[in-house]
Amino acid sequence: MSLTTNDDALRRVKLLSLDVDGVLTDGGIYYADDGNTYRKFNAKDGMGMVRLMNTGVQVTIISAGRPGGIEHRANRLGIKHVFTDVHDKLSVLRKLCEDLGIGMEDVAHIGDDVNDLAIMEHIGLSITVADAVDDVLDVADIVTRRQGGAGAVREICDAIIRLQATP
């Protein structure tokens, strides 16, 4: 679906939840000879998240990925709610919503693979990237024009900012 068919849902978003691998990155994980792993994040996505948080919308990262670089990136952007090595993303999101006083209907989540499906079925707005797996593409309310790690998160952040600024 296009963004315009979900204007009301985007206007309601109080919390944007994000997966990492395949959403904030292109899904590639680089392994160095010493065993360290590296991810490439998109600077435009980062600016979008900062701009969105400046409007008062909360941002969280919930990832099955290993701790380390994810927290460093989030810290640099000022994202306070970061959860890594998570196997039950829905439980983590429910607890965060309870702590923040935000209803699940006011949450948007961007995910790209089957471990995001549980969240996507229990929130107000499920979003995926253009290159997501078919099972996720089938249930998403919105599919971005851009692929993961290539400005898809910025696309959504800009849409939320634009829609929440207009009556």
C-alpha atoms as a PDB file:
ATOM      1  CA  MET A   1       0.000   0.000   0.000  1.00  0.00           C
ATOM      2  CA  SER A   2       1.110   3.546  -0.531  1.00  0.00           C
ATOM      3  CA  LEU A   3       1.836   5.999   2.236  1.00  0.00           C
ATOM      4  CA  THR A   4      -1.153   8.167   1.339  1.00  0.00           C
ATOM      5  CA  THR A   5      -3.647   5.384   2.080  1.00  0.00           C
ATOM      6  CA  ASN A   6      -2.369   5.288   5.667  1.00  0.00           C
ATOM      7  CA  ASP A   7      -2.289   9.012   6.480  1.00  0.00           C
ATOM      8  CA  ASP A   8      -4.482   8.685   9.584  1.00  0.00           C
ATOM      9  CA  ALA A   9      -2.357   5.864  11.006  1.00  0.00           C
ATOM     10  CA  LEU A  10       0.858   7.806  10.356  1.00  0.00           C
ATOM     11  CA  ARG A  11      -0.610  10.877  12.083  1.00  0.00           C
ATOM     12  CA  ARG A  12      -1.278   8.767  15.219  1.00  0.00           C
ATOM     13  CA  VAL A  13       2.254   7.384  15.589  1.00  0.00           C
ATOM     14  CA  LYS A  14       3.768   8.128  18.987  1.00  0.00           C
ATOM     15  CA  LEU A  15       6.435   5.409  18.877  1.00  0.00           C
ATOM     16  CA  LEU A  16       8.393   4.189  15.862  1.00  0.00           C
ATOM     17  CA  SER A  17       9.909   0.754  16.457  1.00  0.00           C
ATOM     18  CA  LEU A  18      12.721  -0.419  14.196  1.00  0.00           C
ATOM     19  CA  ASP A  19      14.445  -3.652  13.359  1.00  0.00           C
ATOM     20  CA  VAL A  20      18.111  -3.300  12.371  1.00  0.00           C
ATOM     21  CA  ASP A  21      19.408  -5.866   9.899  1.00  0.00           C
ATOM     22  CA  GLY A  22      17.543  -5.362   6.632  1.00  0.00           C
ATOM     23  CA  VAL A  23      15.837  -2.161   7.819  1.00  0.00           C
ATOM     24  CA  LEU A  24      18.481   0.217   9.179  1.00  0.00           C
ATOM     25  CA  THR A  25      21.088  -1.707   7.179  1.00  0.00           C
ATOM     26  CA  ASP A  26      21.007  -3.473   3.828  1.00  0.00           C
ATOM     27  CA  GLY A  27      21.078  -6.791   5.677  1.00  0.00           C
ATOM     28  CA  GLY A  28      24.743  -7.411   4.967  1.00  0.00           C
ATOM     29  CA  ILE A  29      26.966  -8.348   7.882  1.00  0.00           C
ATOM     30  CA  TYR A  30      30.689  -8.050   7.345  1.00  0.00           C
ATOM     31  CA  TYR A  31      33.022 -10.427   9.186  1.00  0.00           C
ATOM     32  CA  ALA A  32      36.604  -9.388   9.825  1.00  0.00           C
ATOM     33  CA  ASP A  33      39.432 -11.899  10.183  1.00  0.00           C
ATOM     34  CA  ASP A  34      39.421 -11.271  13.944  1.00  0.00           C
ATOM     35  CA  GLY A  35      35.750 -12.328  14.135  1.00  0.00           C
ATOM     36  CA  ASN A  36      34.343  -8.834  14.622  1.00  0.00           C
ATOM     37  CA  THR A  37      31.196  -7.995  12.693  1.00  0.00           C
ATOM     38  CA  TYR A  38      30.332  -4.718  10.995  1.00  0.00           C
ATOM     39  CA  ARG A  39      27.143  -3.158   9.649  1.00  0.00           C
ATOM     40  CA  LYS A  40      26.700  -0.181   7.349  1.00  0.00           C
ATOM     41  CA  PHE A  41      24.035   2.283   8.482  1.00  0.00           C
ATOM     42  CA  ASN A  42      22.496   4.975   6.273  1.00  0.00           C
ATOM     43  CA  ALA A  43      23.184   8.592   7.324  1.00  0.00           C
ATOM     44  CA  LYS A  44      19.895   9.799   5.806  1.00  0.00           C
ATOM     45  CA  ASP A  45      17.969   7.327   7.964  1.00  0.00           C
ATOM     46  CA  GLY A  46      19.856   8.685  10.968  1.00  0.00           C
ATOM     47  CA  MET A  47      18.890  12.273  10.180  1.00  0.00           C
ATOM     48  CA  GLY A  48      15.279  11.182   9.712  1.00  0.00           C
ATOM     49  CA  MET A  49      15.199   9.539  13.139  1.00  0.00           C
ATOM     50  CA  VAL A  50      16.741  12.598  14.811  1.00  0.00           C
ATOM     51  CA  ARG A  51      14.232  14.905  13.116  1.00  0.00           C
ATOM     52  CA  LEU A  52      11.371  12.609  14.118  1.00  0.00           C
ATOM     53  CA  MET A  53      12.471  12.489  17.767  1.00  0.00           C
ATOM     54  CA  ASN A  54      12.689  16.309  17.729  1.00  0.00           C
ATOM     55  CA  THR A  55       8.931  16.374  17.021  1.00  0.00           C
ATOM     56  CA  GLY A  56       8.261  14.329  20.155  1.00  0.00           C
ATOM     57  CA  VAL A  57       7.787  10.935  18.526  1.00  0.00           C
ATOM     58  CA  GLN A  58       9.697   8.230  20.416  1.00  0.00           C
ATOM     59  CA  VAL A  59      12.017   5.851  18.541  1.00  0.00           C
ATOM     60  CA  THR A  60      13.072   2.403  19.679  1.00  0.00           C
ATOM     61  CA  ILE A  61      15.328  -0.230  18.205  1.00  0.00           C
ATOM     62  CA  ILE A  62      14.408  -3.861  18.852  1.00  0.00           C
ATOM     63  CA  SER A  63      16.793  -6.304  17.223  1.00  0.00           C
ATOM     64  CA  ALA A  64      17.735  -9.953  17.403  1.00  0.00           C
ATOM     65  CA  GLY A  65      21.238  -8.786  16.460  1.00  0.00           C
ATOM     66  CA  ARG A  66      24.184  -8.974  18.791  1.00  0.00           C
ATOM     67  CA  PRO A  67      24.990  -6.013  21.035  1.00  0.00           C
ATOM     68  CA  GLY A  68      27.801  -3.617  20.165  1.00  0.00           C
ATOM     69  CA  GLY A  69      27.593  -1.513  17.046  1.00  0.00           C
ATOM     70  CA  ILE A  70      23.826  -1.150  17.261  1.00  0.00           C
ATOM     71  CA  GLU A  71      24.068   0.575  20.639  1.00  0.00           C
ATOM     72  CA  HIS A  72      26.892   2.819  19.409  1.00  0.00           C
ATOM     73  CA  ARG A  73      24.805   3.969  16.445  1.00  0.00           C
ATOM     74  CA  ALA A  74      21.719   4.518  18.598  1.00  0.00           C
ATOM     75  CA  ASN A  75      23.698   6.439  21.204  1.00  0.00           C
ATOM     76  CA  ARG A  76      25.125   8.739  18.535  1.00  0.00           C
ATOM     77  CA  LEU A  77      21.588   9.512  17.350  1.00  0.00           C
ATOM     78  CA  GLY A  78      20.157   9.967  20.855  1.00  0.00           C
ATOM     79  CA  ILE A  79      17.894   6.910  20.732  1.00  0.00           C
ATOM     80  CA  LYS A  80      17.265   5.944  24.357  1.00  0.00           C
ATOM     81  CA  HIS A  81      15.297   2.727  23.957  1.00  0.00           C
ATOM     82  CA  VAL A  82      17.582   0.089  22.447  1.00  0.00           C
ATOM     83  CA  PHE A  83      17.115  -3.651  22.829  1.00  0.00           C
ATOM     84  CA  THR A  84      19.477  -6.163  21.223  1.00  0.00           C
ATOM     85  CA  ASP A  85      19.764  -9.946  21.260  1.00  0.00           C
ATOM     86  CA  VAL A  86      15.954 -10.061  21.573  1.00  0.00           C
ATOM     87  CA  HIS A  87      14.108 -13.250  20.733  1.00  0.00           C
ATOM     88  CA  ASP A  88      10.609 -12.112  21.755  1.00  0.00           C
ATOM     89  CA  LYS A  89      10.280  -8.661  20.234  1.00  0.00           C
ATOM     90  CA  LEU A  90       6.570  -8.365  21.008  1.00  0.00           C
ATOM     91  CA  SER A  91       7.081  -8.784  24.773  1.00  0.00           C
ATOM     92  CA  VAL A  92       9.838  -6.157  24.760  1.00  0.00           C
ATOM     93  CA  LEU A  93       7.648  -3.719  22.820  1.00  0.00           C
ATOM     94  CA  ARG A  94       4.645  -4.291  25.087  1.00  0.00           C
ATOM     95  CA  LYS A  95       6.751  -3.575  28.181  1.00  0.00           C
ATOM     96  CA  LEU A  96       8.225  -0.439  26.610  1.00  0.00           C
ATOM     97  CA  CYS A  97       4.760   0.826  25.651  1.00  0.00           C
ATOM     98  CA  GLU A  98       3.574   0.217  29.198  1.00  0.00           C
ATOM     99  CA  ASP A  99       6.580   2.114  30.604  1.00  0.00           C
ATOM    100  CA  LEU A 100       6.035   5.039  28.194  1.00  0.00           C
ATOM    101  CA  GLY A 101       2.241   5.105  28.526  1.00  0.00           C
ATOM    102  CA  ILE A 102       1.768   4.552  24.788  1.00  0.00           C
ATOM    103  CA  GLY A 103      -0.948   2.281  23.415  1.00  0.00           C
ATOM    104  CA  MET A 104       0.007  -0.410  20.933  1.00  0.00           C
ATOM    105  CA  GLU A 105      -2.399   1.206  18.453  1.00  0.00           C
ATOM    106  CA  ASP A 106      -0.105   4.266  18.409  1.00  0.00           C
ATOM    107  CA  VAL A 107       2.974   2.230  17.437  1.00  0.00           C
ATOM    108  CA  ALA A 108       4.455   1.782  13.974  1.00  0.00           C
ATOM    109  CA  HIS A 109       7.074  -0.901  13.425  1.00  0.00           C
ATOM    110  CA  ILE A 110       9.378  -1.330  10.458  1.00  0.00           C
ATOM    111  CA  GLY A 111      10.526  -4.913  10.018  1.00  0.00           C
ATOM    112  CA  ASP A 112      11.668  -7.034   7.117  1.00  0.00           C
ATOM    113  CA  ASP A 113      11.738 -10.687   8.168  1.00  0.00           C
ATOM    114  CA  VAL A 114       9.619 -13.326   9.872  1.00  0.00           C
ATOM    115  CA  ASN A 115      10.860 -12.492  13.377  1.00  0.00           C
ATOM    116  CA  ASP A 116       9.007  -9.160  13.031  1.00  0.00           C
ATOM    117  CA  LEU A 117       5.619 -10.707  12.248  1.00  0.00           C
ATOM    118  CA  ALA A 118       4.452 -11.010  15.865  1.00  0.00           C
ATOM    119  CA  ILE A 119       4.928  -7.288  16.434  1.00  0.00           C
ATOM    120  CA  MET A 120       3.414  -6.378  13.082  1.00  0.00           C
ATOM    121  CA  GLU A 121       0.201  -8.234  13.927  1.00  0.00           C
ATOM    122  CA  HIS A 122      -0.312  -6.413  17.258  1.00  0.00           C
ATOM    123  CA  ILE A 123       0.355  -2.741  16.544  1.00  0.00           C
ATOM    124  CA  GLY A 124      -1.376   0.171  14.883  1.00  0.00           C
ATOM    125  CA  LEU A 125       0.752   0.320  11.739  1.00  0.00           C
ATOM    126  CA  SER A 126       3.000  -2.348  10.258  1.00  0.00           C
ATOM    127  CA  ILE A 127       5.611  -1.186   7.771  1.00  0.00           C
ATOM    128  CA  THR A 128       8.183  -3.041   5.718  1.00  0.00           C
ATOM    129  CA  VAL A 129      10.920  -2.223   3.252  1.00  0.00           C
ATOM    130  CA  ALA A 130      10.771  -2.869  -0.486  1.00  0.00           C
ATOM    131  CA  ASP A 131      13.133  -5.862  -0.297  1.00  0.00           C
ATOM    132  CA  ALA A 132      11.488  -7.625   2.659  1.00  0.00           C
ATOM    133  CA  VAL A 133      10.668 -11.328   2.611  1.00  0.00           C
ATOM    134  CA  ASP A 134       7.318 -12.288   1.087  1.00  0.00           C
ATOM    135  CA  ASP A 135       5.664 -13.256   4.387  1.00  0.00           C
ATOM    136  CA  VAL A 136       6.255  -9.745   5.719  1.00  0.00           C
ATOM    137  CA  LEU A 137       5.302  -8.021   2.463  1.00  0.00           C
ATOM    138  CA  ASP A 138       1.970  -9.890   2.648  1.00  0.00           C
ATOM    139  CA  VAL A 139       0.972  -8.453   6.060  1.00  0.00           C
ATOM    140  CA  ALA A 140       2.447  -4.941   5.959  1.00  0.00           C
ATOM    141  CA  ASP A 141       0.146  -1.925   5.897  1.00  0.00           C
ATOM    142  CA  ILE A 142       2.876   0.071   4.141  1.00  0.00           C
ATOM    143  CA  VAL A 143       5.736  -1.023   1.899  1.00  0.00           C
ATOM    144  CA  THR A 144       8.394   1.643   1.393  1.00  0.00           C
ATOM    145  CA  ARG A 145       9.659   2.546  -2.046  1.00  0.00           C
ATOM    146  CA  ARG A 146      13.241   2.219  -0.821  1.00  0.00           C
ATOM    147  CA  GLN A 147      15.084  -0.885   0.284  1.00  0.00           C
ATOM    148  CA  GLY A 148      16.425  -1.500   3.768  1.00  0.00           C
ATOM    149  CA  GLY A 149      19.575   0.480   4.485  1.00  0.00           C
ATOM    150  CA  ALA A 150      18.887   2.744   1.496  1.00  0.00           C
ATOM    151  CA  GLY A 151      16.674   5.444   3.006  1.00  0.00           C
ATOM    152  CA  ALA A 152      13.529   3.433   3.766  1.00  0.00           C
ATOM    153  CA  VAL A 153      13.463   4.593   7.388  1.00  0.00           C
ATOM    154  CA  ARG A 154      13.943   8.218   6.283  1.00  0.00           C
ATOM    155  CA  GLU A 155      10.992   7.813   3.905  1.00  0.00           C
ATOM    156  CA  ILE A 156       8.741   6.866   6.827  1.00  0.00           C
ATOM    157  CA  CYS A 157      10.157   9.452   9.243  1.00  0.00           C
ATOM    158  CA  ASP A 158       9.601  12.231   6.706  1.00  0.00           C
ATOM    159  CA  ALA A 159       6.023  11.060   6.068  1.00  0.00           C
ATOM    160  CA  ILE A 160       5.211  11.032   9.805  1.00  0.00           C
ATOM    161  CA  ILE A 161       6.745  14.473  10.288  1.00  0.00           C
ATOM    162  CA  ARG A 162       4.885  15.920   7.308  1.00  0.00           C
ATOM    163  CA  LEU A 163       1.520  14.427   8.258  1.00  0.00           C
ATOM    164  CA  GLN A 164       1.729  15.255  11.947  1.00  0.00           C
ATOM    165  CA  ALA A 165       2.567  18.879  11.085  1.00  0.00           C
ATOM    166  CA  THR A 166      -0.604  19.318   8.997  1.00  0.00           C
ATOM    167  CA  PRO A 167      -4.073  19.428  10.559  1.00  0.00           C
END
